[in-house]
């Protein structure tokens, strides 16, 4: 099983997608309370402005002093004429992750990993995969397995706009007909220790609909959501943060396993319930996340 999450200590409740060509939007990034930013070189940048967007992003990220946000660059499709130059930019500025669009097979991950490794790129530069095509969903398990052992694959990001278009499933509240596919990706990611980011919600004016979809995503097992507008940040942070009852439960589990009599036990009882050591591992991850969020509040 992969330990991909072990080198991603930062939360990913809210990941704002920002067009790399939009200077005004980029200027606002340091002042936003999102957990991370996806600097987009793909869909939001016209072909004739791709080079301009890359250079603007190169200057901005090379001067980056660190604001605690996870920095992700979404490059163009690997089959496009822009992907090679996009990867050159990734090697130059070394973001936290490179997000690959339309991933459909393990080789999509492995080819980029080989390029990064061959260039001596630090392992701290991870690979994230957009899961947004029918073939990609069908191959989710095989793709997720590339993150095992020393792989760079760290996260799946759902892209429903392209998936809806390809499968002809219309957008509907509750995503009824999409849920089976989403859960297939959740299962594949969790089997290999990957982070999971839910798809964008297209109408940033529909606050109620967005909050409902955040709650659904959280209950389905996602770690956070990809956003299209700063107005969505607060609701996403709230929905995907550990709830008070979850924190209390994690503290109780950690305290129970810390007792001397539990030192050599894999299973204990807590308030009449059987608790396994694997529950302790999950509790420790949650408490570590809580600590990161508390530290951010203190330093803000």
Protein backbone atom coordinates (compact mmCIF):
# COMPACT_ATOMS: atom_id res chain seq x y z
CA UNK A 1 0.00 0.00 0.00
CA UNK A 2 1.21 3.49 -0.87
CA UNK A 3 2.37 6.00 1.68
CA UNK A 4 1.76 8.91 -0.68
CA UNK A 5 0.01 10.95 1.99
CA UNK A 6 3.03 10.82 4.27
CA UNK A 7 4.74 13.62 2.35
CA UNK A 8 1.66 15.85 2.05
CA UNK A 9 1.26 17.43 5.52
CA UNK A 10 -0.89 20.33 4.35
CA UNK A 11 -4.69 20.22 4.21
CA UNK A 12 -6.51 20.27 0.87
CA UNK A 13 -10.05 21.31 1.82
CA UNK A 14 -10.17 24.13 -0.72
CA UNK A 15 -8.14 24.23 -3.95
CA UNK A 16 -8.84 27.33 -6.01
CA UNK A 17 -8.26 27.10 -9.74
CA UNK A 18 -6.74 30.32 -11.09
CA UNK A 19 -5.99 30.97 -14.78
CA UNK A 20 -2.24 31.48 -15.11
CA UNK A 21 -2.93 34.32 -17.55
CA UNK A 22 -5.17 36.29 -15.14
CA UNK A 23 -2.82 38.69 -13.34
CA UNK A 24 -5.55 40.27 -11.18
CA UNK A 25 -6.65 36.87 -9.90
CA UNK A 26 -3.05 35.83 -9.27
CA UNK A 27 -2.41 39.01 -7.28
CA UNK A 28 -5.26 38.11 -4.91
CA UNK A 29 -3.97 34.60 -4.15
CA UNK A 30 -1.73 35.47 -1.14
CA UNK A 31 -4.68 37.12 0.60
CA UNK A 32 -7.09 34.19 0.24
CA UNK A 33 -7.76 31.53 2.87
CA UNK A 34 -7.74 28.56 0.50
CA UNK A 35 -5.53 25.57 1.28
CA UNK A 36 -4.03 25.50 -2.17
CA UNK A 37 -4.03 27.01 -5.64
CA UNK A 38 -4.19 25.25 -8.99
CA UNK A 39 -2.41 27.51 -11.46
CA UNK A 40 -4.13 26.56 -14.69
CA UNK A 41 -2.31 26.46 -18.02
CA UNK A 42 -4.93 24.27 -19.68
CA UNK A 43 -8.61 25.06 -20.32
CA UNK A 44 -8.59 28.67 -19.10
CA UNK A 45 -5.75 29.83 -21.38
CA UNK A 46 -6.22 30.33 -25.13
CA UNK A 47 -3.63 28.52 -27.29
CA UNK A 48 -2.09 31.74 -28.55
CA UNK A 49 -1.44 32.87 -24.96
CA UNK A 50 0.03 29.65 -23.53
CA UNK A 51 3.63 30.89 -23.73
CA UNK A 52 2.70 34.20 -22.13
CA UNK A 53 0.93 32.38 -19.29
CA UNK A 54 3.94 30.14 -18.68
CA UNK A 55 6.32 33.06 -18.43
CA UNK A 56 4.02 35.00 -16.11
CA UNK A 57 3.76 31.95 -13.88
CA UNK A 58 7.51 31.35 -13.99
CA UNK A 59 8.20 34.86 -12.71
CA UNK A 60 5.55 34.65 -10.03
CA UNK A 61 6.45 31.23 -8.65
CA UNK A 62 10.20 31.78 -8.76
CA UNK A 63 9.65 34.79 -6.50
CA UNK A 64 7.38 32.79 -4.20
CA UNK A 65 8.30 33.35 -0.55
CA UNK A 66 5.91 30.83 0.95
CA UNK A 67 2.40 31.44 2.28
CA UNK A 68 1.55 27.93 3.41
CA UNK A 69 -0.60 27.18 0.37
CA UNK A 70 -0.09 24.08 -1.73
CA UNK A 71 1.02 25.17 -5.21
CA UNK A 72 -0.17 23.01 -8.11
CA UNK A 73 0.38 23.64 -11.81
CA UNK A 74 -2.17 22.11 -14.17
CA UNK A 75 -0.41 21.51 -17.46
CA UNK A 76 -1.90 20.85 -20.87
CA UNK A 77 -2.83 17.39 -22.10
CA UNK A 78 0.23 15.23 -22.66
CA UNK A 79 -0.75 14.77 -26.32
CA UNK A 80 -0.85 18.53 -26.91
CA UNK A 81 2.02 20.59 -28.37
CA UNK A 82 2.18 22.59 -25.13
CA UNK A 83 2.87 19.82 -22.62
CA UNK A 84 6.65 19.67 -23.05
CA UNK A 85 7.11 23.38 -22.37
CA UNK A 86 4.70 23.13 -19.43
CA UNK A 87 6.84 20.38 -17.90
CA UNK A 88 9.95 22.50 -18.44
CA UNK A 89 8.23 25.17 -16.33
CA UNK A 90 7.43 22.60 -13.63
CA UNK A 91 11.10 21.60 -13.51
CA UNK A 92 12.16 25.23 -13.26
CA UNK A 93 9.84 26.41 -10.47
CA UNK A 94 9.30 23.07 -8.65
CA UNK A 95 5.72 23.47 -7.37
CA UNK A 96 4.26 21.10 -4.80
CA UNK A 97 2.52 19.17 -7.56
CA UNK A 98 1.89 18.99 -11.29
CA UNK A 99 -1.73 18.23 -12.21
CA UNK A 100 -2.16 16.11 -15.33
CA UNK A 101 -5.46 16.51 -17.23
CA UNK A 102 -7.42 13.66 -18.77
CA UNK A 103 -5.38 10.82 -17.27
CA UNK A 104 -6.56 7.56 -18.82
CA UNK A 105 -3.84 4.96 -18.26
CA UNK A 106 -0.91 4.24 -15.93
CA UNK A 107 1.58 5.27 -18.64
CA UNK A 108 0.27 8.84 -18.44
CA UNK A 109 1.57 8.98 -14.88
CA UNK A 110 4.71 6.95 -15.46
CA UNK A 111 5.89 8.98 -18.47
CA UNK A 112 5.74 12.24 -16.50
CA UNK A 113 7.35 10.58 -13.49
CA UNK A 114 10.22 9.37 -15.67
CA UNK A 115 10.67 12.89 -17.06
CA UNK A 116 10.81 14.42 -13.58
CA UNK A 117 13.13 11.72 -12.24
CA UNK A 118 15.48 11.95 -15.22
CA UNK A 119 15.80 15.71 -14.67
CA UNK A 120 16.67 15.21 -11.00
CA UNK A 121 13.45 16.86 -9.83
CA UNK A 122 12.99 16.49 -6.05
CA UNK A 123 10.48 13.87 -4.91
CA UNK A 124 8.64 16.69 -3.14
CA UNK A 125 7.19 17.58 -6.55
CA UNK A 126 4.23 15.23 -6.69
CA UNK A 127 1.92 14.20 -9.51
CA UNK A 128 -1.83 14.75 -9.29
CA UNK A 129 -4.22 13.22 -11.82
CA UNK A 130 -7.45 14.62 -13.24
CA UNK A 131 -10.00 11.81 -13.47
CA UNK A 132 -12.39 13.19 -16.05
CA UNK A 133 -12.92 10.67 -18.84
CA UNK A 134 -14.80 7.39 -19.11
CA UNK A 135 -11.58 5.46 -19.79
CA UNK A 136 -9.86 7.14 -16.85
CA UNK A 137 -12.64 6.11 -14.47
CA UNK A 138 -12.53 2.53 -15.77
CA UNK A 139 -8.75 2.43 -15.22
CA UNK A 140 -8.79 4.17 -11.83
CA UNK A 141 -7.41 1.20 -9.93
CA UNK A 142 -4.47 0.65 -12.27
CA UNK A 143 -3.70 4.37 -12.36
CA UNK A 144 -3.82 4.63 -8.56
CA UNK A 145 -1.40 1.72 -8.25
CA UNK A 146 1.34 3.80 -9.88
CA UNK A 147 1.58 5.71 -6.59
CA UNK A 148 2.75 2.62 -4.73
CA UNK A 149 6.27 2.31 -3.39
CA UNK A 150 8.40 5.23 -4.63
CA UNK A 151 5.84 6.68 -7.06
CA UNK A 152 5.07 10.39 -7.22
CA UNK A 153 1.29 10.04 -7.65
CA UNK A 154 -0.33 11.73 -4.69
CA UNK A 155 -3.91 12.70 -5.52
CA UNK A 156 -6.91 12.22 -7.77
CA UNK A 157 -8.93 15.28 -8.78
CA UNK A 158 -12.39 14.62 -10.21
CA UNK A 159 -13.36 16.55 -13.34
CA UNK A 160 -17.07 16.19 -13.96
CA UNK A 161 -17.54 18.74 -16.73
CA UNK A 162 -15.60 16.66 -19.24
CA UNK A 163 -17.00 13.38 -17.89
CA UNK A 164 -20.58 14.63 -18.21
CA UNK A 165 -19.92 15.79 -21.76
CA UNK A 166 -18.40 12.48 -22.78
CA UNK A 167 -21.02 10.28 -21.12
CA UNK A 168 -24.01 12.56 -21.86
CA UNK A 169 -25.09 12.55 -18.21
CA UNK A 170 -26.72 15.95 -17.60
CA UNK A 171 -25.91 18.05 -14.52
CA UNK A 172 -28.50 17.41 -11.84
CA UNK A 173 -28.61 18.20 -8.10
CA UNK A 174 -27.30 15.28 -6.09
CA UNK A 175 -25.27 13.88 -9.02
CA UNK A 176 -27.40 10.72 -8.80
CA UNK A 177 -26.15 8.95 -11.92
CA UNK A 178 -22.54 9.99 -11.33
CA UNK A 179 -22.24 8.69 -7.76
CA UNK A 180 -21.34 5.09 -8.75
CA UNK A 181 -18.43 6.35 -10.84
CA UNK A 182 -17.29 8.76 -8.15
CA UNK A 183 -17.29 6.00 -5.55
CA UNK A 184 -15.26 3.80 -7.91
CA UNK A 185 -12.56 6.48 -7.92
CA UNK A 186 -12.81 6.87 -4.14
CA UNK A 187 -12.28 3.14 -3.68
CA UNK A 188 -9.25 3.08 -6.01
CA UNK A 189 -7.66 6.10 -4.34
CA UNK A 190 -8.13 4.83 -0.79
CA UNK A 191 -6.77 1.40 -1.72
CA UNK A 192 -3.50 3.10 -2.65
CA UNK A 193 -3.33 5.91 -0.08
CA UNK A 194 -4.11 8.82 -2.40
CA UNK A 195 -5.71 12.15 -1.56
CA UNK A 196 -9.11 12.82 -3.17
CA UNK A 197 -10.40 16.14 -4.48
CA UNK A 198 -14.01 16.55 -5.56
CA UNK A 199 -15.01 18.30 -8.79
CA UNK A 200 -15.81 21.97 -9.26
CA UNK A 201 -19.33 23.34 -8.73
CA UNK A 202 -20.00 25.56 -11.71
CA UNK A 203 -22.46 28.14 -10.35
CA UNK A 204 -20.57 30.12 -7.68
CA UNK A 205 -23.70 32.21 -7.08
CA UNK A 206 -25.62 29.16 -5.85
CA UNK A 207 -24.29 29.04 -2.29
CA UNK A 208 -26.87 26.54 -1.05
CA UNK A 209 -26.22 24.14 -3.91
CA UNK A 210 -22.48 24.40 -3.38
CA UNK A 211 -22.72 23.70 0.35
CA UNK A 212 -24.95 20.70 -0.31
CA UNK A 213 -22.44 19.29 -2.79
CA UNK A 214 -19.60 19.88 -0.31
CA UNK A 215 -21.49 17.91 2.33
CA UNK A 216 -22.12 15.13 -0.16
CA UNK A 217 -18.47 15.04 -1.17
CA UNK A 218 -17.36 14.86 2.44
CA UNK A 219 -19.73 11.98 3.13
CA UNK A 220 -18.47 10.18 0.03
CA UNK A 221 -14.93 10.32 1.38
CA UNK A 222 -13.35 13.26 -0.44
CA UNK A 223 -10.69 15.36 1.30
CA UNK A 224 -11.57 18.65 -0.34
CA UNK A 225 -12.96 20.38 -3.39
CA UNK A 226 -11.63 22.12 -6.47
CA UNK A 227 -13.05 25.65 -6.62
CA UNK A 228 -13.65 28.19 -9.37
CA UNK A 229 -14.26 31.33 -7.27
CA UNK A 230 -12.97 32.77 -3.98
CA UNK A 231 -16.58 33.01 -2.75
CA UNK A 232 -16.54 29.21 -2.40
CA UNK A 233 -13.52 28.99 -0.10
CA UNK A 234 -15.17 29.50 3.29
CA UNK A 235 -17.90 26.91 2.71
CA UNK A 236 -15.40 24.32 1.46
CA UNK A 237 -13.07 24.90 4.42
CA UNK A 238 -15.98 24.46 6.79
CA UNK A 239 -17.40 21.35 5.12
CA UNK A 240 -14.12 19.46 4.84
CA UNK A 241 -12.64 20.42 8.22
CA UNK A 242 -12.78 17.84 11.03
CA UNK A 243 -16.02 18.21 12.97
CA UNK A 244 -15.89 18.67 16.78
CA UNK A 245 -17.29 15.19 17.38
CA UNK A 246 -14.66 13.68 15.08
CA UNK A 247 -11.91 15.45 16.98
CA UNK A 248 -13.30 14.28 20.31
CA UNK A 249 -13.47 10.70 19.03
CA UNK A 250 -9.88 10.86 17.75
CA UNK A 251 -8.63 12.21 21.08
CA UNK A 252 -10.44 9.43 22.95
CA UNK A 253 -8.93 6.74 20.71
CA UNK A 254 -5.43 8.18 21.06
CA UNK A 255 -5.79 8.38 24.84
CA UNK A 256 -7.07 4.80 25.05
CA UNK A 257 -4.14 3.39 23.09
CA UNK A 258 -1.70 5.50 25.13
CA UNK A 259 -2.55 3.59 28.31
CA UNK A 260 0.20 1.20 29.45
CA UNK A 261 -2.08 -1.83 29.30
CA UNK A 262 -2.79 -1.16 25.59
CA UNK A 263 0.86 -0.94 24.55
CA UNK A 264 1.02 -4.41 22.97
CA UNK A 265 -2.62 -4.71 21.92
CA UNK A 266 -3.98 -4.39 18.40
CA UNK A 267 -7.59 -4.35 19.56
CA UNK A 268 -9.08 -2.64 22.62
CA UNK A 269 -12.54 -1.68 23.83
CA UNK A 270 -13.66 1.92 24.19
CA UNK A 271 -17.10 2.76 25.58
CA UNK A 272 -18.28 -0.72 24.74
CA UNK A 273 -16.95 -0.65 21.18
CA UNK A 274 -14.11 -2.61 19.61
CA UNK A 275 -11.34 -0.29 18.42
CA UNK A 276 -8.45 -1.54 16.29
CA UNK A 277 -5.00 -0.03 15.90
CA UNK A 278 -5.90 0.98 12.35
CA UNK A 279 -8.45 3.33 13.96
CA UNK A 280 -5.57 4.84 15.93
CA UNK A 281 -3.70 5.53 12.69
CA UNK A 282 -6.72 7.36 11.28
CA UNK A 283 -7.16 9.26 14.55
CA UNK A 284 -3.53 10.38 14.47
CA UNK A 285 -3.90 11.62 10.88
CA UNK A 286 -6.97 13.62 11.84
CA UNK A 287 -5.30 15.14 14.90
CA UNK A 288 -2.26 16.06 12.81
CA UNK A 289 -4.56 17.87 10.39
CA UNK A 290 -6.24 19.69 13.27
CA UNK A 291 -2.83 20.80 14.52
CA UNK A 292 -1.87 22.15 11.09
CA UNK A 293 -5.10 24.14 10.93
CA UNK A 294 -4.61 25.49 14.45
CA UNK A 295 -1.05 26.54 13.65
CA UNK A 296 -2.30 28.39 10.60
CA UNK A 297 -4.79 30.33 12.71
CA UNK A 298 -2.04 31.25 15.18
CA UNK A 299 0.32 32.51 12.49
CA UNK A 300 -2.35 34.39 10.54
